[in-house]
N, C-alpha and C. Protein backbone atom coordinates (compact mmCIF):
# COMPACT_ATOMS: atom_id res chain seq x y z
N UNK A 1 78.76 -72.90 235.14
CA UNK A 1 77.50 -72.98 235.84
C UNK A 1 77.37 -71.84 236.86
N UNK A 2 78.46 -71.55 237.54
CA UNK A 2 78.44 -70.47 238.54
C UNK A 2 78.18 -69.13 237.86
N UNK A 3 78.73 -68.93 236.68
CA UNK A 3 78.52 -67.68 235.94
C UNK A 3 77.05 -67.53 235.54
N UNK A 4 76.42 -68.64 235.18
CA UNK A 4 75.01 -68.61 234.80
C UNK A 4 74.16 -68.23 236.01
N UNK A 5 74.46 -68.83 237.15
CA UNK A 5 73.70 -68.52 238.37
C UNK A 5 73.85 -67.04 238.73
N UNK A 6 75.06 -66.53 238.62
CA UNK A 6 75.31 -65.12 238.93
C UNK A 6 74.55 -64.21 237.96
N UNK A 7 74.52 -64.58 236.69
CA UNK A 7 73.81 -63.79 235.68
C UNK A 7 72.30 -63.80 235.93
N UNK A 8 71.76 -64.95 236.29
CA UNK A 8 70.33 -65.06 236.60
C UNK A 8 70.01 -64.22 237.83
N UNK A 9 70.86 -64.28 238.85
CA UNK A 9 70.67 -63.47 240.06
C UNK A 9 70.69 -61.99 239.72
N UNK A 10 71.65 -61.58 238.91
CA UNK A 10 71.76 -60.17 238.52
C UNK A 10 70.53 -59.72 237.74
N UNK A 11 70.05 -60.57 236.83
CA UNK A 11 68.86 -60.23 236.05
C UNK A 11 67.64 -60.08 236.95
N UNK A 12 67.49 -61.00 237.90
CA UNK A 12 66.36 -60.92 238.84
C UNK A 12 66.45 -59.64 239.68
N UNK A 13 67.62 -59.36 240.22
CA UNK A 13 67.80 -58.16 241.06
C UNK A 13 67.52 -56.89 240.27
N UNK A 14 68.02 -56.83 239.04
CA UNK A 14 67.80 -55.63 238.24
C UNK A 14 66.32 -55.49 237.88
N UNK A 15 65.68 -56.59 237.52
CA UNK A 15 64.25 -56.54 237.24
C UNK A 15 63.46 -56.12 238.46
N UNK A 16 63.83 -56.63 239.63
CA UNK A 16 63.16 -56.26 240.88
C UNK A 16 63.30 -54.76 241.11
N UNK A 17 64.51 -54.26 240.92
CA UNK A 17 64.77 -52.83 241.10
C UNK A 17 63.90 -52.00 240.15
N UNK A 18 63.86 -52.37 238.88
CA UNK A 18 63.07 -51.63 237.89
C UNK A 18 61.59 -51.64 238.28
N UNK A 19 61.08 -52.80 238.69
CA UNK A 19 59.69 -52.90 239.09
C UNK A 19 59.39 -52.16 240.37
N UNK A 20 60.28 -52.27 241.35
CA UNK A 20 60.06 -51.65 242.65
C UNK A 20 60.12 -50.13 242.56
N UNK A 21 61.07 -49.64 241.82
CA UNK A 21 61.25 -48.19 241.70
C UNK A 21 60.34 -47.58 240.63
N UNK A 22 59.72 -48.41 239.82
CA UNK A 22 58.81 -47.91 238.79
C UNK A 22 59.53 -47.24 237.64
N UNK A 23 60.77 -47.63 237.39
CA UNK A 23 61.53 -47.05 236.29
C UNK A 23 60.96 -47.50 234.95
N UNK A 24 61.06 -46.65 233.99
CA UNK A 24 60.63 -46.99 232.64
C UNK A 24 61.69 -47.83 231.96
N UNK A 25 61.27 -48.86 231.27
CA UNK A 25 62.22 -49.68 230.53
C UNK A 25 62.76 -48.94 229.32
N UNK A 26 62.15 -47.81 229.01
CA UNK A 26 62.61 -47.01 227.87
C UNK A 26 63.72 -46.06 228.26
N UNK A 27 63.98 -45.92 229.55
CA UNK A 27 65.10 -45.08 229.98
C UNK A 27 66.37 -45.70 229.41
N UNK A 28 67.23 -44.87 228.88
CA UNK A 28 68.40 -45.37 228.17
C UNK A 28 69.28 -46.27 229.03
N UNK A 29 69.53 -45.87 230.28
CA UNK A 29 70.43 -46.66 231.11
C UNK A 29 69.81 -48.01 231.46
N UNK A 30 68.49 -48.06 231.62
CA UNK A 30 67.80 -49.32 231.91
C UNK A 30 67.88 -50.23 230.69
N UNK A 31 67.59 -49.68 229.53
CA UNK A 31 67.61 -50.46 228.29
C UNK A 31 69.01 -51.02 228.03
N UNK A 32 70.03 -50.17 228.21
CA UNK A 32 71.40 -50.62 227.95
C UNK A 32 71.82 -51.74 228.90
N UNK A 33 71.51 -51.59 230.17
CA UNK A 33 71.89 -52.62 231.15
C UNK A 33 71.17 -53.93 230.84
N UNK A 34 69.88 -53.84 230.51
CA UNK A 34 69.11 -55.04 230.19
C UNK A 34 69.67 -55.71 228.93
N UNK A 35 70.03 -54.92 227.94
CA UNK A 35 70.60 -55.48 226.71
C UNK A 35 71.94 -56.15 226.97
N UNK A 36 72.75 -55.59 227.88
CA UNK A 36 74.03 -56.23 228.24
C UNK A 36 73.77 -57.58 228.91
N UNK A 37 72.79 -57.62 229.80
CA UNK A 37 72.44 -58.89 230.46
C UNK A 37 72.01 -59.92 229.43
N UNK A 38 71.13 -59.49 228.52
CA UNK A 38 70.61 -60.42 227.51
C UNK A 38 71.71 -60.87 226.54
N UNK A 39 72.63 -59.98 226.19
CA UNK A 39 73.72 -60.36 225.29
C UNK A 39 74.60 -61.42 225.93
N UNK A 40 74.92 -61.23 227.21
CA UNK A 40 75.75 -62.21 227.92
C UNK A 40 75.00 -63.54 228.05
N UNK A 41 73.71 -63.46 228.29
CA UNK A 41 72.90 -64.67 228.40
C UNK A 41 72.88 -65.42 227.06
N UNK A 42 72.81 -64.68 225.97
CA UNK A 42 72.83 -65.29 224.64
C UNK A 42 74.14 -66.04 224.42
N UNK A 43 75.26 -65.42 224.84
CA UNK A 43 76.57 -66.06 224.72
C UNK A 43 76.64 -67.37 225.49
N UNK A 44 76.01 -67.39 226.65
CA UNK A 44 76.04 -68.58 227.51
C UNK A 44 74.94 -69.59 227.17
N UNK A 45 74.05 -69.20 226.25
CA UNK A 45 72.96 -70.10 225.85
C UNK A 45 71.83 -70.20 226.85
N UNK A 46 71.65 -69.16 227.66
CA UNK A 46 70.59 -69.18 228.68
C UNK A 46 69.71 -67.93 228.57
N UNK A 47 69.49 -67.47 227.36
CA UNK A 47 68.73 -66.24 227.14
C UNK A 47 67.35 -66.29 227.78
N UNK A 48 66.59 -67.35 227.53
CA UNK A 48 65.23 -67.44 228.05
C UNK A 48 65.22 -67.46 229.58
N UNK A 49 66.16 -68.15 230.18
CA UNK A 49 66.24 -68.21 231.64
C UNK A 49 66.50 -66.82 232.23
N UNK A 50 67.42 -66.08 231.64
CA UNK A 50 67.74 -64.74 232.13
C UNK A 50 66.59 -63.78 231.88
N UNK A 51 65.97 -63.89 230.73
CA UNK A 51 64.82 -63.04 230.41
C UNK A 51 63.68 -63.30 231.40
N UNK A 52 63.42 -64.57 231.68
CA UNK A 52 62.38 -64.93 232.65
C UNK A 52 62.72 -64.41 234.06
N UNK A 53 63.99 -64.49 234.44
CA UNK A 53 64.41 -64.00 235.76
C UNK A 53 64.21 -62.49 235.85
N UNK A 54 64.56 -61.76 234.79
CA UNK A 54 64.37 -60.31 234.78
C UNK A 54 62.89 -59.96 234.90
N UNK A 55 62.08 -60.61 234.08
CA UNK A 55 60.64 -60.33 234.10
C UNK A 55 60.00 -60.71 235.43
N UNK A 56 60.45 -61.81 236.01
CA UNK A 56 59.93 -62.24 237.31
C UNK A 56 60.32 -61.24 238.38
N UNK A 57 61.57 -60.77 238.34
CA UNK A 57 62.02 -59.77 239.29
C UNK A 57 61.24 -58.48 239.16
N UNK A 58 60.99 -58.08 237.93
CA UNK A 58 60.23 -56.84 237.70
C UNK A 58 58.82 -56.97 238.27
N UNK A 59 58.21 -58.11 238.06
CA UNK A 59 56.87 -58.34 238.57
C UNK A 59 56.88 -58.38 240.11
N UNK A 60 57.83 -59.09 240.69
CA UNK A 60 57.93 -59.18 242.15
C UNK A 60 58.21 -57.80 242.77
N UNK A 61 59.06 -57.02 242.14
CA UNK A 61 59.37 -55.68 242.64
C UNK A 61 58.16 -54.77 242.60
N UNK A 62 57.40 -54.84 241.50
CA UNK A 62 56.19 -54.01 241.38
C UNK A 62 55.15 -54.42 242.42
N UNK A 63 55.03 -55.73 242.67
CA UNK A 63 54.09 -56.20 243.69
C UNK A 63 54.49 -55.71 245.07
N UNK A 64 55.78 -55.79 245.37
CA UNK A 64 56.28 -55.36 246.68
C UNK A 64 56.05 -53.85 246.86
N UNK A 65 56.30 -53.09 245.81
CA UNK A 65 56.08 -51.65 245.87
C UNK A 65 54.60 -51.34 246.14
N UNK A 66 53.73 -52.01 245.41
CA UNK A 66 52.29 -51.80 245.60
C UNK A 66 51.86 -52.18 247.01
N UNK A 67 52.41 -53.28 247.51
CA UNK A 67 52.10 -53.73 248.86
C UNK A 67 52.55 -52.70 249.90
N UNK A 68 53.74 -52.16 249.74
CA UNK A 68 54.24 -51.18 250.69
C UNK A 68 53.46 -49.88 250.61
N UNK A 69 53.06 -49.49 249.42
CA UNK A 69 52.25 -48.28 249.28
C UNK A 69 50.91 -48.46 249.99
N UNK A 70 50.30 -49.64 249.80
CA UNK A 70 49.03 -49.91 250.48
C UNK A 70 49.17 -49.89 251.99
N UNK A 71 50.29 -50.38 252.49
CA UNK A 71 50.52 -50.40 253.94
C UNK A 71 51.01 -49.05 254.46
N UNK A 72 51.33 -48.15 253.56
CA UNK A 72 51.82 -46.84 253.97
C UNK A 72 53.30 -46.80 254.23
N UNK A 73 54.03 -47.81 253.74
CA UNK A 73 55.47 -47.85 253.98
C UNK A 73 56.27 -47.25 252.84
N UNK A 74 55.66 -47.17 251.67
CA UNK A 74 56.36 -46.64 250.51
C UNK A 74 56.49 -45.14 250.60
N UNK A 75 57.28 -44.56 249.73
CA UNK A 75 57.51 -43.12 249.74
C UNK A 75 56.21 -42.35 249.60
N UNK A 76 55.36 -42.77 248.65
CA UNK A 76 54.11 -42.05 248.43
C UNK A 76 53.18 -42.19 249.62
N UNK A 77 53.21 -43.34 250.28
CA UNK A 77 52.30 -43.59 251.39
C UNK A 77 52.79 -43.03 252.72
N UNK A 78 54.05 -42.69 252.82
CA UNK A 78 54.61 -42.24 254.09
C UNK A 78 54.46 -40.75 254.30
N UNK A 79 53.74 -40.09 253.42
CA UNK A 79 53.52 -38.67 253.58
C UNK A 79 54.59 -37.80 252.95
N UNK A 80 55.60 -38.42 252.36
CA UNK A 80 56.61 -37.64 251.67
C UNK A 80 56.02 -37.11 250.38
N UNK A 81 56.41 -35.93 250.02
CA UNK A 81 55.91 -35.37 248.78
C UNK A 81 56.72 -35.91 247.63
N UNK A 82 56.02 -36.09 246.52
CA UNK A 82 56.70 -36.53 245.31
C UNK A 82 57.49 -35.36 244.77
N UNK A 83 58.66 -35.60 244.21
CA UNK A 83 59.43 -34.51 243.66
C UNK A 83 58.71 -33.90 242.46
N UNK A 84 58.97 -32.63 242.26
CA UNK A 84 58.36 -31.94 241.12
C UNK A 84 59.00 -32.39 239.82
N UNK A 85 58.61 -31.78 238.71
CA UNK A 85 59.18 -32.17 237.43
C UNK A 85 60.69 -31.94 237.42
N UNK A 86 61.39 -32.84 236.76
CA UNK A 86 62.84 -32.73 236.71
C UNK A 86 63.25 -31.57 235.82
N UNK A 87 64.31 -30.92 236.25
CA UNK A 87 64.89 -29.92 235.38
C UNK A 87 65.83 -30.64 234.44
N UNK A 88 66.17 -29.99 233.36
CA UNK A 88 67.05 -30.63 232.37
C UNK A 88 68.39 -30.94 233.02
N UNK A 89 68.84 -32.18 232.85
CA UNK A 89 70.12 -32.61 233.41
C UNK A 89 71.16 -32.64 232.31
N UNK A 90 72.41 -32.42 232.66
CA UNK A 90 73.46 -32.55 231.66
C UNK A 90 73.45 -33.95 231.07
N UNK A 91 73.86 -34.06 229.83
CA UNK A 91 73.84 -35.36 229.15
C UNK A 91 74.71 -36.35 229.92
N UNK A 92 74.22 -37.57 230.08
CA UNK A 92 74.96 -38.62 230.78
C UNK A 92 74.65 -38.69 232.26
N UNK A 93 74.03 -37.67 232.83
CA UNK A 93 73.74 -37.64 234.26
C UNK A 93 72.70 -38.69 234.63
N UNK A 94 71.68 -38.87 233.78
CA UNK A 94 70.62 -39.83 234.08
C UNK A 94 71.17 -41.24 234.23
N UNK A 95 72.09 -41.63 233.35
CA UNK A 95 72.66 -42.97 233.42
C UNK A 95 73.41 -43.15 234.73
N UNK A 96 74.26 -42.19 235.08
CA UNK A 96 75.02 -42.29 236.32
C UNK A 96 74.09 -42.35 237.52
N UNK A 97 73.06 -41.52 237.52
CA UNK A 97 72.12 -41.48 238.62
C UNK A 97 71.42 -42.83 238.76
N UNK A 98 70.96 -43.40 237.66
CA UNK A 98 70.27 -44.69 237.69
C UNK A 98 71.17 -45.81 238.16
N UNK A 99 72.40 -45.84 237.65
CA UNK A 99 73.34 -46.89 238.05
C UNK A 99 73.71 -46.75 239.52
N UNK A 100 73.89 -45.53 239.98
CA UNK A 100 74.22 -45.30 241.39
C UNK A 100 73.03 -45.70 242.26
N UNK A 101 71.83 -45.34 241.82
CA UNK A 101 70.62 -45.69 242.57
C UNK A 101 70.48 -47.21 242.66
N UNK A 102 70.77 -47.92 241.57
CA UNK A 102 70.70 -49.38 241.57
C UNK A 102 71.73 -49.97 242.53
N UNK A 103 72.95 -49.44 242.51
CA UNK A 103 74.00 -49.94 243.41
C UNK A 103 73.61 -49.73 244.87
N UNK A 104 73.05 -48.56 245.19
CA UNK A 104 72.61 -48.31 246.57
C UNK A 104 71.46 -49.22 246.97
N UNK A 105 70.57 -49.46 246.01
CA UNK A 105 69.44 -50.35 246.26
C UNK A 105 69.93 -51.75 246.64
N UNK A 106 70.91 -52.25 245.91
CA UNK A 106 71.46 -53.58 246.19
C UNK A 106 72.16 -53.62 247.55
N UNK A 107 72.77 -52.51 247.95
CA UNK A 107 73.45 -52.47 249.25
C UNK A 107 72.46 -52.54 250.40
N UNK A 108 71.28 -51.95 250.20
CA UNK A 108 70.31 -51.87 251.30
C UNK A 108 69.25 -52.96 251.26
N UNK A 109 69.19 -53.72 250.18
CA UNK A 109 68.15 -54.73 250.02
C UNK A 109 68.79 -56.06 249.69
N UNK A 110 68.41 -57.08 250.41
CA UNK A 110 68.92 -58.43 250.14
C UNK A 110 67.81 -59.21 249.45
N UNK A 111 68.06 -59.58 248.18
CA UNK A 111 67.07 -60.31 247.41
C UNK A 111 67.54 -61.74 247.20
N UNK A 112 66.60 -62.65 247.24
CA UNK A 112 66.90 -64.05 246.99
C UNK A 112 66.12 -64.50 245.78
N UNK A 113 66.75 -65.32 244.97
CA UNK A 113 66.05 -65.87 243.81
C UNK A 113 64.88 -66.72 244.28
N UNK A 114 63.74 -66.59 243.63
CA UNK A 114 62.61 -67.47 243.98
C UNK A 114 62.98 -68.93 243.71
N UNK A 115 62.47 -69.85 244.50
CA UNK A 115 62.81 -71.27 244.35
C UNK A 115 62.54 -71.81 242.96
N UNK A 116 61.46 -71.36 242.31
CA UNK A 116 61.17 -71.91 240.98
C UNK A 116 62.22 -71.50 239.95
N UNK A 117 62.85 -70.34 240.11
CA UNK A 117 63.94 -69.96 239.21
C UNK A 117 65.17 -70.80 239.47
N UNK A 118 65.42 -71.11 240.74
CA UNK A 118 66.56 -71.96 241.06
C UNK A 118 66.36 -73.37 240.52
N UNK A 119 65.12 -73.86 240.54
CA UNK A 119 64.83 -75.19 240.01
C UNK A 119 65.11 -75.28 238.52
N UNK A 120 64.85 -74.20 237.79
CA UNK A 120 65.08 -74.24 236.34
C UNK A 120 66.56 -74.34 236.03
N UNK A 121 67.41 -73.92 236.96
CA UNK A 121 68.85 -73.99 236.73
C UNK A 121 69.36 -75.43 236.78
N UNK A 122 68.64 -76.30 237.48
CA UNK A 122 69.05 -77.70 237.54
C UNK A 122 69.08 -78.33 236.16
N UNK A 123 68.21 -77.84 235.29
CA UNK A 123 68.12 -78.39 233.94
C UNK A 123 69.32 -78.01 233.09
N UNK A 124 70.13 -77.09 233.56
CA UNK A 124 71.30 -76.66 232.81
C UNK A 124 72.50 -77.57 233.04
N UNK A 125 72.47 -78.34 234.10
CA UNK A 125 73.58 -79.24 234.40
C UNK A 125 73.55 -80.43 233.45
N UNK A 126 74.71 -80.87 233.01
CA UNK A 126 74.73 -82.08 232.16
C UNK A 126 74.30 -83.29 232.98
N UNK A 127 73.67 -84.25 232.34
CA UNK A 127 73.25 -85.47 233.06
C UNK A 127 74.46 -86.15 233.71
N UNK A 128 74.22 -86.80 234.87
CA UNK A 128 75.30 -87.47 235.59
C UNK A 128 75.99 -88.53 234.76
N UNK A 129 75.23 -89.19 233.88
CA UNK A 129 75.83 -90.26 233.09
C UNK A 129 76.87 -89.72 232.11
N UNK A 130 76.84 -88.41 231.82
CA UNK A 130 77.83 -87.83 230.92
C UNK A 130 79.09 -87.41 231.65
N UNK A 131 79.08 -87.41 232.97
CA UNK A 131 80.24 -87.03 233.76
C UNK A 131 81.03 -88.30 234.11
N UNK A 132 81.67 -88.83 233.14
CA UNK A 132 82.44 -90.07 233.30
C UNK A 132 83.71 -89.76 234.08
N UNK A 133 84.02 -90.57 235.05
CA UNK A 133 85.24 -90.43 235.83
C UNK A 133 85.10 -89.52 237.03
N UNK A 134 83.91 -89.02 237.32
CA UNK A 134 83.73 -88.12 238.47
C UNK A 134 83.01 -88.84 239.57
C-alpha cells in the first residue's frame, strides 16, 4: 500500500512539473519517465489511479503556471526574456537536463496530493472483514 501511495505521489508530482514547465509529452525523457511510471502501476494493478494522478498533476501545474503568468510571477511575466532557439545539443543531454530540472523542481517545490486523489486510495485497501486476526 505504501508503494502505491508513493507511486501516485510521484506521478502527480511529475505531471505537475510537466504542466507547470510546459514540457512536451513527446520529449523523449518525459515519455520514458511516464512509461516507467505506468509500467510500475500496471504491475501493482493501479494503472488508472496513477494515470489519473499524472493527468491531474499536469492540469494543476498548467493552471498554476497560467495563474502566475497572469499575476506577473512567472518567468514570462517577470520581465525576463525567453531564451532564444536552442542550439543542437549532444545526444543524451536533453534527458539529463530534463531529469536534473525535475529533481531541482522537487527540491524547491512542496506538492501535496489533492484530497480527492487520496480518497481514491482508500478503495485499494482490502475490506476490514478480510483482515482476520488483526
